[in-house]
């Protein structure tokens, strides 16, 4: 049976696009948001997050921009591109179809 990390592999890009699509974020902020919003279910490590961000950036789904924040901190913020918005819309449509099909097979009483 697939475990949380195995299931997450196929959904990490969708999660990143969804968060970055709501507002530009920097790496550590993304890690915190994923963990908080999922109530601890999603726990990305930097070694997982940054390669995923670089792949998405290379594919033109997001773009990174260095910014200086108050206090002099220099952070790379990630922004979703129009191509990323289209990809996210497609992925969310696929997820919705998947959930509908699962709910047809797995009734609430089964759980």
PDB file of N, CA and C in Angstrom:
ATOM      1  N   UNK A   1       0.845  -1.188   0.000  1.00  0.00           N
ATOM      2  CA  UNK A   1       0.000   0.000   0.000  1.00  0.00           C
ATOM      3  C   UNK A   1       0.882   1.240   0.000  1.00  0.00           C
ATOM      4  N   UNK A   2       0.512   2.255  -0.759  1.00  0.00           N
ATOM      5  CA  UNK A   2       1.286   3.485  -0.852  1.00  0.00           C
ATOM      6  C   UNK A   2       1.224   4.250   0.466  1.00  0.00           C
ATOM      7  N   UNK A   3       2.364   4.806   0.846  1.00  0.00           N
ATOM      8  CA  UNK A   3       2.426   5.619   2.057  1.00  0.00           C
ATOM      9  C   UNK A   3       2.325   7.090   1.685  1.00  0.00           C
ATOM     10  N   UNK A   4       2.243   7.949   2.691  1.00  0.00           N
ATOM     11  CA  UNK A   4       2.141   9.381   2.460  1.00  0.00           C
ATOM     12  C   UNK A   4       3.195   9.922   1.500  1.00  0.00           C
ATOM     13  N   UNK A   5       4.489   9.642   1.744  1.00  0.00           N
ATOM     14  CA  UNK A   5       5.514  10.159   0.827  1.00  0.00           C
ATOM     15  C   UNK A   5       5.357   9.647  -0.608  1.00  0.00           C
ATOM     16  N   UNK A   6       4.930   8.394  -0.767  1.00  0.00           N
ATOM     17  CA  UNK A   6       4.738   7.859  -2.119  1.00  0.00           C
ATOM     18  C   UNK A   6       3.574   8.548  -2.819  1.00  0.00           C
ATOM     19  N   UNK A   7       2.500   8.792  -2.073  1.00  0.00           N
ATOM     20  CA  UNK A   7       1.350   9.485  -2.647  1.00  0.00           C
ATOM     21  C   UNK A   7       1.692  10.930  -2.979  1.00  0.00           C
ATOM     22  N   UNK A   8       2.554  11.541  -2.175  1.00  0.00           N
ATOM     23  CA  UNK A   8       2.898  12.944  -2.350  1.00  0.00           C
ATOM     24  C   UNK A   8       3.726  13.178  -3.616  1.00  0.00           C
ATOM     25  N   UNK A   9       4.497  12.189  -4.043  1.00  0.00           N
ATOM     26  CA  UNK A   9       5.355  12.361  -5.217  1.00  0.00           C
ATOM     27  C   UNK A   9       4.567  12.854  -6.420  1.00  0.00           C
ATOM     28  N   UNK A  10       3.408  12.307  -6.639  1.00  0.00           N
ATOM     29  CA  UNK A  10       2.602  12.686  -7.791  1.00  0.00           C
ATOM     30  C   UNK A  10       1.829  13.970  -7.610  1.00  0.00           C
ATOM     31  N   UNK A  11       1.806  14.494  -6.407  1.00  0.00           N
ATOM     32  CA  UNK A  11       1.001  15.691  -6.162  1.00  0.00           C
ATOM     33  C   UNK A  11       1.814  16.899  -5.730  1.00  0.00           C
ATOM     34  N   UNK A  12       3.123  16.755  -5.592  1.00  0.00           N
ATOM     35  CA  UNK A  12       3.931  17.869  -5.091  1.00  0.00           C
ATOM     36  C   UNK A  12       3.863  19.081  -6.015  1.00  0.00           C
ATOM     37  N   UNK A  13       3.886  18.878  -7.326  1.00  0.00           N
ATOM     38  CA  UNK A  13       3.810  20.007  -8.250  1.00  0.00           C
ATOM     39  C   UNK A  13       2.481  20.742  -8.101  1.00  0.00           C
ATOM     40  N   UNK A  14       1.404  20.002  -7.965  1.00  0.00           N
ATOM     41  CA  UNK A  14       0.089  20.624  -7.784  1.00  0.00           C
ATOM     42  C   UNK A  14       0.043  21.434  -6.489  1.00  0.00           C
ATOM     43  N   UNK A  15       0.593  20.875  -5.427  1.00  0.00           N
ATOM     44  CA  UNK A  15       0.609  21.582  -4.144  1.00  0.00           C
ATOM     45  C   UNK A  15       1.400  22.886  -4.254  1.00  0.00           C
ATOM     46  N   UNK A  16       2.561  22.816  -4.887  1.00  0.00           N
ATOM     47  CA  UNK A  16       3.396  24.014  -5.041  1.00  0.00           C
ATOM     48  C   UNK A  16       2.691  25.069  -5.893  1.00  0.00           C
ATOM     49  N   UNK A  17       2.136  24.651  -7.018  1.00  0.00           N
ATOM     50  CA  UNK A  17       1.447  25.611  -7.886  1.00  0.00           C
ATOM     51  C   UNK A  17       0.254  26.239  -7.176  1.00  0.00           C
ATOM     52  N   UNK A  18      -0.448  25.448  -6.394  1.00  0.00           N
ATOM     53  CA  UNK A  18      -1.610  25.962  -5.676  1.00  0.00           C
ATOM     54  C   UNK A  18      -1.194  27.028  -4.662  1.00  0.00           C
ATOM     55  N   UNK A  19      -0.173  26.740  -3.866  1.00  0.00           N
ATOM     56  CA  UNK A  19       0.282  27.721  -2.874  1.00  0.00           C
ATOM     57  C   UNK A  19       0.833  28.972  -3.525  1.00  0.00           C
ATOM     58  N   UNK A  20       1.724  28.792  -4.491  1.00  0.00           N
ATOM     59  CA  UNK A  20       2.364  29.945  -5.144  1.00  0.00           C
ATOM     60  C   UNK A  20       1.339  30.729  -5.955  1.00  0.00           C
ATOM     61  N   UNK A  21       0.311  30.040  -6.436  1.00  0.00           N
ATOM     62  CA  UNK A  21      -0.754  30.722  -7.164  1.00  0.00           C
ATOM     63  C   UNK A  21      -1.591  31.630  -6.285  1.00  0.00           C
ATOM     64  N   UNK A  22      -1.614  31.350  -4.989  1.00  0.00           N
ATOM     65  CA  UNK A  22      -2.362  32.188  -4.060  1.00  0.00           C
ATOM     66  C   UNK A  22      -1.593  33.452  -3.688  1.00  0.00           C
ATOM     67  N   UNK A  23      -0.273  33.306  -3.579  1.00  0.00           N
ATOM     68  CA  UNK A  23       0.594  34.454  -3.310  1.00  0.00           C
ATOM     69  C   UNK A  23       2.044  34.036  -3.530  1.00  0.00           C
ATOM     70  N   UNK A  24       2.885  34.962  -3.958  1.00  0.00           N
ATOM     71  CA  UNK A  24       4.305  34.626  -4.108  1.00  0.00           C
ATOM     72  C   UNK A  24       4.878  34.200  -2.755  1.00  0.00           C
ATOM     73  N   UNK A  25       5.738  33.191  -2.770  1.00  0.00           N
ATOM     74  CA  UNK A  25       6.320  32.664  -1.533  1.00  0.00           C
ATOM     75  C   UNK A  25       7.781  32.319  -1.743  1.00  0.00           C
ATOM     76  N   UNK A  26       8.523  32.304  -0.644  1.00  0.00           N
ATOM     77  CA  UNK A  26       9.910  31.842  -0.674  1.00  0.00           C
ATOM     78  C   UNK A  26       9.948  30.429  -0.096  1.00  0.00           C
ATOM     79  N   UNK A  27      11.057  29.747  -0.285  1.00  0.00           N
ATOM     80  CA  UNK A  27      11.158  28.329   0.037  1.00  0.00           C
ATOM     81  C   UNK A  27      10.706  27.926   1.425  1.00  0.00           C
ATOM     82  N   UNK A  28      11.301  28.512   2.458  1.00  0.00           N
ATOM     83  CA  UNK A  28      10.951  28.105   3.811  1.00  0.00           C
ATOM     84  C   UNK A  28       9.483  28.399   4.111  1.00  0.00           C
ATOM     85  N   UNK A  29       8.966  29.468   3.568  1.00  0.00           N
ATOM     86  CA  UNK A  29       7.551  29.823   3.741  1.00  0.00           C
ATOM     87  C   UNK A  29       6.660  28.720   3.148  1.00  0.00           C
ATOM     88  N   UNK A  30       7.051  28.199   1.994  1.00  0.00           N
ATOM     89  CA  UNK A  30       6.299  27.119   1.349  1.00  0.00           C
ATOM     90  C   UNK A  30       6.284  25.884   2.250  1.00  0.00           C
ATOM     91  N   UNK A  31       7.428  25.529   2.798  1.00  0.00           N
ATOM     92  CA  UNK A  31       7.533  24.375   3.697  1.00  0.00           C
ATOM     93  C   UNK A  31       6.594  24.549   4.888  1.00  0.00           C
ATOM     94  N   UNK A  32       6.636  25.722   5.513  1.00  0.00           N
ATOM     95  CA  UNK A  32       5.773  25.997   6.676  1.00  0.00           C
ATOM     96  C   UNK A  32       4.297  25.942   6.314  1.00  0.00           C
ATOM     97  N   UNK A  33       3.927  26.573   5.200  1.00  0.00           N
ATOM     98  CA  UNK A  33       2.523  26.613   4.783  1.00  0.00           C
ATOM     99  C   UNK A  33       1.985  25.213   4.492  1.00  0.00           C
ATOM    100  N   UNK A  34       2.765  24.405   3.791  1.00  0.00           N
ATOM    101  CA  UNK A  34       2.330  23.042   3.488  1.00  0.00           C
ATOM    102  C   UNK A  34       2.084  22.252   4.775  1.00  0.00           C
ATOM    103  N   UNK A  35       2.993  22.377   5.709  1.00  0.00           N
ATOM    104  CA  UNK A  35       2.849  21.633   6.958  1.00  0.00           C
ATOM    105  C   UNK A  35       1.672  22.153   7.781  1.00  0.00           C
ATOM    106  N   UNK A  36       1.546  23.461   7.892  1.00  0.00           N
ATOM    107  CA  UNK A  36       0.448  24.029   8.689  1.00  0.00           C
ATOM    108  C   UNK A  36      -0.915  23.731   8.079  1.00  0.00           C
ATOM    109  N   UNK A  37      -1.061  23.990   6.791  1.00  0.00           N
ATOM    110  CA  UNK A  37      -2.364  23.806   6.150  1.00  0.00           C
ATOM    111  C   UNK A  37      -2.799  22.348   6.092  1.00  0.00           C
ATOM    112  N   UNK A  38      -1.829  21.433   6.046  1.00  0.00           N
ATOM    113  CA  UNK A  38      -2.166  20.001   5.998  1.00  0.00           C
ATOM    114  C   UNK A  38      -2.199  19.384   7.401  1.00  0.00           C
ATOM    115  N   UNK A  39      -2.086  20.217   8.413  1.00  0.00           N
ATOM    116  CA  UNK A  39      -2.062  19.759   9.810  1.00  0.00           C
ATOM    117  C   UNK A  39      -0.969  18.726  10.033  1.00  0.00           C
ATOM    118  N   UNK A  40       0.181  18.973   9.418  1.00  0.00           N
ATOM    119  CA  UNK A  40       1.351  18.134   9.616  1.00  0.00           C
ATOM    120  C   UNK A  40       1.490  16.953   8.667  1.00  0.00           C
ATOM    121  N   UNK A  41       0.523  16.752   7.789  1.00  0.00           N
ATOM    122  CA  UNK A  41       0.599  15.606   6.871  1.00  0.00           C
ATOM    123  C   UNK A  41       1.721  15.775   5.846  1.00  0.00           C
ATOM    124  N   UNK A  42       1.815  16.968   5.266  1.00  0.00           N
ATOM    125  CA  UNK A  42       2.861  17.234   4.274  1.00  0.00           C
ATOM    126  C   UNK A  42       4.045  17.889   4.964  1.00  0.00           C
ATOM    127  N   UNK A  43       5.179  17.183   4.930  1.00  0.00           N
ATOM    128  CA  UNK A  43       6.404  17.701   5.543  1.00  0.00           C
ATOM    129  C   UNK A  43       7.512  17.655   4.497  1.00  0.00           C
ATOM    130  N   UNK A  44       7.634  18.727   3.759  1.00  0.00           N
ATOM    131  CA  UNK A  44       8.683  18.815   2.748  1.00  0.00           C
ATOM    132  C   UNK A  44      10.000  19.136   3.436  1.00  0.00           C
ATOM    133  N   UNK A  45      11.053  18.584   2.936  1.00  0.00           N
ATOM    134  CA  UNK A  45      12.398  18.947   3.368  1.00  0.00           C
ATOM    135  C   UNK A  45      13.005  19.786   2.240  1.00  0.00           C
ATOM    136  N   UNK A  46      14.015  20.570   2.583  1.00  0.00           N
ATOM    137  CA  UNK A  46      14.640  21.417   1.570  1.00  0.00           C
ATOM    138  C   UNK A  46      15.153  20.590   0.400  1.00  0.00           C
ATOM    139  N   UNK A  47      15.667  19.391   0.692  1.00  0.00           N
ATOM    140  CA  UNK A  47      16.186  18.518  -0.359  1.00  0.00           C
ATOM    141  C   UNK A  47      15.122  18.008  -1.309  1.00  0.00           C
ATOM    142  N   UNK A  48      13.871  18.104  -0.909  1.00  0.00           N
ATOM    143  CA  UNK A  48      12.747  17.734  -1.761  1.00  0.00           C
ATOM    144  C   UNK A  48      12.157  18.956  -2.427  1.00  0.00           C
ATOM    145  N   UNK A  49      12.030  20.041  -1.661  1.00  0.00           N
ATOM    146  CA  UNK A  49      11.369  21.243  -2.152  1.00  0.00           C
ATOM    147  C   UNK A  49      12.139  21.916  -3.280  1.00  0.00           C
ATOM    148  N   UNK A  50      13.419  22.194  -3.061  1.00  0.00           N
ATOM    149  CA  UNK A  50      14.141  22.996  -4.043  1.00  0.00           C
ATOM    150  C   UNK A  50      14.297  22.318  -5.400  1.00  0.00           C
ATOM    151  N   UNK A  51      14.545  21.016  -5.465  1.00  0.00           N
ATOM    152  CA  UNK A  51      14.539  20.381  -6.791  1.00  0.00           C
ATOM    153  C   UNK A  51      13.177  20.498  -7.480  1.00  0.00           C
ATOM    154  N   UNK A  52      12.084  20.377  -6.710  1.00  0.00           N
ATOM    155  CA  UNK A  52      10.743  20.506  -7.295  1.00  0.00           C
ATOM    156  C   UNK A  52      10.521  21.933  -7.806  1.00  0.00           C
ATOM    157  N   UNK A  53      10.967  22.915  -7.041  1.00  0.00           N
ATOM    158  CA  UNK A  53      10.851  24.314  -7.488  1.00  0.00           C
ATOM    159  C   UNK A  53      11.665  24.543  -8.758  1.00  0.00           C
ATOM    160  N   UNK A  54      12.875  23.986  -8.797  1.00  0.00           N
ATOM    161  CA  UNK A  54      13.739  24.164  -9.973  1.00  0.00           C
ATOM    162  C   UNK A  54      13.141  23.489 -11.204  1.00  0.00           C
ATOM    163  N   UNK A  55      12.540  22.307 -11.023  1.00  0.00           N
ATOM    164  CA  UNK A  55      11.880  21.633 -12.152  1.00  0.00           C
ATOM    165  C   UNK A  55      10.713  22.480 -12.669  1.00  0.00           C
ATOM    166  N   UNK A  56       9.904  22.993 -11.747  1.00  0.00           N
ATOM    167  CA  UNK A  56       8.750  23.809 -12.137  1.00  0.00           C
ATOM    168  C   UNK A  56       9.208  25.101 -12.808  1.00  0.00           C
ATOM    169  N   UNK A  57      10.282  25.663 -12.317  1.00  0.00           N
ATOM    170  CA  UNK A  57      10.810  26.887 -12.931  1.00  0.00           C
ATOM    171  C   UNK A  57      11.362  26.579 -14.318  1.00  0.00           C
ATOM    172  N   UNK A  58      12.076  25.470 -14.455  1.00  0.00           N
ATOM    173  CA  UNK A  58      12.611  25.065 -15.752  1.00  0.00           C
ATOM    174  C   UNK A  58      11.524  24.784 -16.772  1.00  0.00           C
ATOM    175  N   UNK A  59      10.367  24.320 -16.289  1.00  0.00           N
ATOM    176  CA  UNK A  59       9.232  24.025 -17.168  1.00  0.00           C
ATOM    177  C   UNK A  59       8.414  25.279 -17.480  1.00  0.00           C
ATOM    178  N   UNK A  60       8.793  26.400 -16.874  1.00  0.00           N
ATOM    179  CA  UNK A  60       8.079  27.651 -17.135  1.00  0.00           C
ATOM    180  C   UNK A  60       6.775  27.790 -16.362  1.00  0.00           C
ATOM    181  N   UNK A  61       6.579  26.962 -15.326  1.00  0.00           N
ATOM    182  CA  UNK A  61       5.347  27.014 -14.546  1.00  0.00           C
ATOM    183  C   UNK A  61       5.403  28.089 -13.457  1.00  0.00           C
ATOM    184  N   UNK A  62       6.608  28.346 -12.981  1.00  0.00           N
ATOM    185  CA  UNK A  62       6.833  29.394 -11.987  1.00  0.00           C
ATOM    186  C   UNK A  62       8.075  30.163 -12.382  1.00  0.00           C
ATOM    187  N   UNK A  63       8.259  31.326 -11.763  1.00  0.00           N
ATOM    188  CA  UNK A  63       9.506  32.066 -11.956  1.00  0.00           C
ATOM    189  C   UNK A  63       9.961  32.571 -10.603  1.00  0.00           C
ATOM    190  N   UNK A  64      11.264  32.575 -10.398  1.00  0.00           N
ATOM    191  CA  UNK A  64      11.832  33.048  -9.145  1.00  0.00           C
ATOM    192  C   UNK A  64      12.436  34.426  -9.324  1.00  0.00           C
ATOM    193  N   UNK A  65      12.314  35.216  -8.277  1.00  0.00           N
ATOM    194  CA  UNK A  65      12.854  36.573  -8.305  1.00  0.00           C
ATOM    195  C   UNK A  65      13.445  36.872  -6.924  1.00  0.00           C
ATOM    196  N   UNK A  66      14.709  37.299  -6.913  1.00  0.00           N
ATOM    197  CA  UNK A  66      15.345  37.666  -5.653  1.00  0.00           C
ATOM    198  C   UNK A  66      14.808  39.014  -5.195  1.00  0.00           C
ATOM    199  N   UNK A  67      14.500  39.096  -3.904  1.00  0.00           N
ATOM    200  CA  UNK A  67      13.985  40.344  -3.344  1.00  0.00           C
ATOM    201  C   UNK A  67      14.644  40.594  -1.990  1.00  0.00           C
ATOM    202  N   UNK A  68      14.909  41.856  -1.718  1.00  0.00           N
ATOM    203  CA  UNK A  68      15.411  42.246  -0.410  1.00  0.00           C
ATOM    204  C   UNK A  68      14.222  42.613   0.454  1.00  0.00           C
ATOM    205  N   UNK A  69      14.143  42.023   1.603  1.00  0.00           N
ATOM    206  CA  UNK A  69      13.042  42.258   2.533  1.00  0.00           C
ATOM    207  C   UNK A  69      13.499  43.208   3.629  1.00  0.00           C
ATOM    208  N   UNK A  70      12.557  43.790   4.371  1.00  0.00           N
ATOM    209  CA  UNK A  70      12.938  44.639   5.505  1.00  0.00           C
ATOM    210  C   UNK A  70      13.886  43.877   6.431  1.00  0.00           C
ATOM    211  N   UNK A  71      14.893  44.568   6.903  1.00  0.00           N
ATOM    212  CA  UNK A  71      15.896  43.915   7.732  1.00  0.00           C
ATOM    213  C   UNK A  71      17.061  43.400   6.913  1.00  0.00           C
ATOM    214  N   UNK A  72      17.003  43.608   5.574  1.00  0.00           N
ATOM    215  CA  UNK A  72      18.112  43.237   4.714  1.00  0.00           C
ATOM    216  C   UNK A  72      18.150  41.792   4.256  1.00  0.00           C
ATOM    217  N   UNK A  73      17.141  40.995   4.604  1.00  0.00           N
ATOM    218  CA  UNK A  73      17.145  39.603   4.148  1.00  0.00           C
ATOM    219  C   UNK A  73      16.898  39.549   2.647  1.00  0.00           C
ATOM    220  N   UNK A  74      17.656  38.703   2.003  1.00  0.00           N
ATOM    221  CA  UNK A  74      17.573  38.519   0.568  1.00  0.00           C
ATOM    222  C   UNK A  74      16.956  37.150   0.334  1.00  0.00           C
ATOM    223  N   UNK A  75      15.759  37.114  -0.260  1.00  0.00           N
ATOM    224  CA  UNK A  75      15.058  35.848  -0.458  1.00  0.00           C
ATOM    225  C   UNK A  75      14.597  35.719  -1.901  1.00  0.00           C
ATOM    226  N   UNK A  76      14.519  34.474  -2.337  1.00  0.00           N
ATOM    227  CA  UNK A  76      14.020  34.196  -3.677  1.00  0.00           C
ATOM    228  C   UNK A  76      12.541  33.855  -3.569  1.00  0.00           C
ATOM    229  N   UNK A  77      11.712  34.732  -4.092  1.00  0.00           N
ATOM    230  CA  UNK A  77      10.270  34.517  -4.100  1.00  0.00           C
ATOM    231  C   UNK A  77       9.878  33.873  -5.422  1.00  0.00           C
ATOM    232  N   UNK A  78       8.918  32.964  -5.343  1.00  0.00           N
ATOM    233  CA  UNK A  78       8.444  32.265  -6.524  1.00  0.00           C
ATOM    234  C   UNK A  78       7.043  32.751  -6.871  1.00  0.00           C
ATOM    235  N   UNK A  79       6.836  32.987  -8.156  1.00  0.00           N
ATOM    236  CA  UNK A  79       5.577  33.491  -8.701  1.00  0.00           C
ATOM    237  C   UNK A  79       5.071  32.489  -9.731  1.00  0.00           C
ATOM    238  N   UNK A  80       3.770  32.289  -9.774  1.00  0.00           N
ATOM    239  CA  UNK A  80       3.203  31.403 -10.784  1.00  0.00           C
ATOM    240  C   UNK A  80       3.114  32.163 -12.108  1.00  0.00           C
ATOM    241  N   UNK A  81       3.373  31.477 -13.203  1.00  0.00           N
ATOM    242  CA  UNK A  81       3.263  32.079 -14.529  1.00  0.00           C
ATOM    243  C   UNK A  81       1.890  31.745 -15.119  1.00  0.00           C
ATOM    244  N   UNK A  82       1.591  32.339 -16.242  1.00  0.00           N
ATOM    245  CA  UNK A  82       0.323  32.011 -16.916  1.00  0.00           C
ATOM    246  C   UNK A  82       0.303  30.533 -17.315  1.00  0.00           C
ATOM    247  N   UNK A  83       1.425  30.028 -17.771  1.00  0.00           N
ATOM    248  CA  UNK A  83       1.522  28.602 -18.107  1.00  0.00           C
ATOM    249  C   UNK A  83       1.278  27.760 -16.858  1.00  0.00           C
ATOM    250  N   UNK A  84       1.788  28.203 -15.717  1.00  0.00           N
ATOM    251  CA  UNK A  84       1.573  27.503 -14.460  1.00  0.00           C
ATOM    252  C   UNK A  84       0.111  27.511 -14.047  1.00  0.00           C
ATOM    253  N   UNK A  85      -0.570  28.628 -14.271  1.00  0.00           N
ATOM    254  CA  UNK A  85      -2.005  28.713 -13.944  1.00  0.00           C
ATOM    255  C   UNK A  85      -2.815  27.731 -14.795  1.00  0.00           C
ATOM    256  N   UNK A  86      -2.458  27.635 -16.064  1.00  0.00           N
ATOM    257  CA  UNK A  86      -3.161  26.686 -16.939  1.00  0.00           C
ATOM    258  C   UNK A  86      -2.892  25.246 -16.499  1.00  0.00           C
ATOM    259  N   UNK A  87      -1.636  24.957 -16.160  1.00  0.00           N
ATOM    260  CA  UNK A  87      -1.275  23.614 -15.710  1.00  0.00           C
ATOM    261  C   UNK A  87      -1.993  23.280 -14.402  1.00  0.00           C
ATOM    262  N   UNK A  88      -2.076  24.243 -13.493  1.00  0.00           N
ATOM    263  CA  UNK A  88      -2.768  24.016 -12.229  1.00  0.00           C
ATOM    264  C   UNK A  88      -4.249  23.748 -12.460  1.00  0.00           C
ATOM    265  N   UNK A  89      -4.877  24.524 -13.333  1.00  0.00           N
ATOM    266  CA  UNK A  89      -6.300  24.317 -13.631  1.00  0.00           C
ATOM    267  C   UNK A  89      -6.527  22.906 -14.171  1.00  0.00           C
ATOM    268  N   UNK A  90      -5.648  22.442 -15.030  1.00  0.00           N
ATOM    269  CA  UNK A  90      -5.766  21.089 -15.589  1.00  0.00           C
ATOM    270  C   UNK A  90      -5.578  20.033 -14.501  1.00  0.00           C
ATOM    271  N   UNK A  91      -4.577  20.219 -13.652  1.00  0.00           N
ATOM    272  CA  UNK A  91      -4.325  19.256 -12.581  1.00  0.00           C
ATOM    273  C   UNK A  91      -5.492  19.205 -11.598  1.00  0.00           C
ATOM    274  N   UNK A  92      -6.068  20.364 -11.267  1.00  0.00           N
ATOM    275  CA  UNK A  92      -7.203  20.392 -10.348  1.00  0.00           C
ATOM    276  C   UNK A  92      -8.422  19.719 -10.962  1.00  0.00           C
ATOM    277  N   UNK A  93      -8.608  19.889 -12.253  1.00  0.00           N
ATOM    278  CA  UNK A  93      -9.704  19.217 -12.940  1.00  0.00           C
ATOM    279  C   UNK A  93      -9.521  17.697 -12.867  1.00  0.00           C
ATOM    280  N   UNK A  94      -8.305  17.241 -13.080  1.00  0.00           N
ATOM    281  CA  UNK A  94      -8.018  15.809 -12.992  1.00  0.00           C
ATOM    282  C   UNK A  94      -8.247  15.287 -11.581  1.00  0.00           C
ATOM    283  N   UNK A  95      -7.835  16.067 -10.561  1.00  0.00           N
ATOM    284  CA  UNK A  95      -8.043  15.669  -9.175  1.00  0.00           C
ATOM    285  C   UNK A  95      -9.530  15.558  -8.863  1.00  0.00           C
ATOM    286  N   UNK A  96     -10.312  16.521  -9.323  1.00  0.00           N
ATOM    287  CA  UNK A  96     -11.756  16.490  -9.071  1.00  0.00           C
ATOM    288  C   UNK A  96     -12.390  15.252  -9.704  1.00  0.00           C
ATOM    289  N   UNK A  97     -11.988  14.930 -10.928  1.00  0.00           N
ATOM    290  CA  UNK A  97     -12.514  13.741 -11.597  1.00  0.00           C
ATOM    291  C   UNK A  97     -12.126  12.475 -10.829  1.00  0.00           C
ATOM    292  N   UNK A  98     -10.902  12.436 -10.360  1.00  0.00           N
ATOM    293  CA  UNK A  98     -10.417  11.299  -9.581  1.00  0.00           C
ATOM    294  C   UNK A  98     -11.229  11.144  -8.292  1.00  0.00           C
ATOM    295  N   UNK A  99     -11.443  12.252  -7.583  1.00  0.00           N
ATOM    296  CA  UNK A  99     -12.206  12.203  -6.331  1.00  0.00           C
ATOM    297  C   UNK A  99     -13.648  11.753  -6.552  1.00  0.00           C
ATOM    298  N   UNK A 100     -14.263  12.234  -7.617  1.00  0.00           N
ATOM    299  CA  UNK A 100     -15.632  11.815  -7.934  1.00  0.00           C
ATOM    300  C   UNK A 100     -15.663  10.305  -8.168  1.00  0.00           C
ATOM    301  N   UNK A 101     -14.731   9.806  -8.968  1.00  0.00           N
ATOM    302  CA  UNK A 101     -14.689   8.373  -9.265  1.00  0.00           C
ATOM    303  C   UNK A 101     -14.415   7.554  -7.999  1.00  0.00           C
ATOM    304  N   UNK A 102     -13.506   8.019  -7.154  1.00  0.00           N
ATOM    305  CA  UNK A 102     -13.220   7.307  -5.898  1.00  0.00           C
ATOM    306  C   UNK A 102     -14.450   7.273  -5.002  1.00  0.00           C
ATOM    307  N   UNK A 103     -15.141   8.386  -4.908  1.00  0.00           N
ATOM    308  CA  UNK A 103     -16.329   8.456  -4.058  1.00  0.00           C
ATOM    309  C   UNK A 103     -17.459   7.575  -4.576  1.00  0.00           C
ATOM    310  N   UNK A 104     -17.486   7.303  -5.874  1.00  0.00           N
ATOM    311  CA  UNK A 104     -18.480   6.393  -6.419  1.00  0.00           C
ATOM    312  C   UNK A 104     -18.213   4.948  -6.017  1.00  0.00           C
ATOM    313  N   UNK A 105     -16.953   4.631  -5.811  1.00  0.00           N
ATOM    314  CA  UNK A 105     -16.564   3.262  -5.488  1.00  0.00           C
ATOM    315  C   UNK A 105     -16.439   3.042  -3.976  1.00  0.00           C
ATOM    316  N   UNK A 106     -15.887   4.028  -3.292  1.00  0.00           N
ATOM    317  CA  UNK A 106     -15.652   3.902  -1.860  1.00  0.00           C
ATOM    318  C   UNK A 106     -16.710   4.700  -1.107  1.00  0.00           C
ATOM    319  N   UNK A 107     -17.772   4.055  -0.660  1.00  0.00           N
ATOM    320  CA  UNK A 107     -18.810   4.785   0.070  1.00  0.00           C
ATOM    321  C   UNK A 107     -18.319   5.222   1.443  1.00  0.00           C
ATOM    322  N   UNK A 108     -18.941   6.230   1.986  1.00  0.00           N
ATOM    323  CA  UNK A 108     -18.540   6.767   3.286  1.00  0.00           C
ATOM    324  C   UNK A 108     -18.545   5.687   4.372  1.00  0.00           C
ATOM    325  N   UNK A 109     -19.462   4.748   4.297  1.00  0.00           N
ATOM    326  CA  UNK A 109     -19.538   3.693   5.292  1.00  0.00           C
ATOM    327  C   UNK A 109     -18.385   2.707   5.225  1.00  0.00           C
ATOM    328  N   UNK A 110     -17.664   2.695   4.128  1.00  0.00           N
ATOM    329  CA  UNK A 110     -16.549   1.771   3.947  1.00  0.00           C
ATOM    330  C   UNK A 110     -15.351   2.188   4.809  1.00  0.00           C
ATOM    331  N   UNK A 111     -15.270   3.467   5.075  1.00  0.00           N
ATOM    332  CA  UNK A 111     -14.136   3.972   5.849  1.00  0.00           C
ATOM    333  C   UNK A 111     -14.464   3.865   7.281  1.00  0.00           C
TER     334      UNK A 111
END
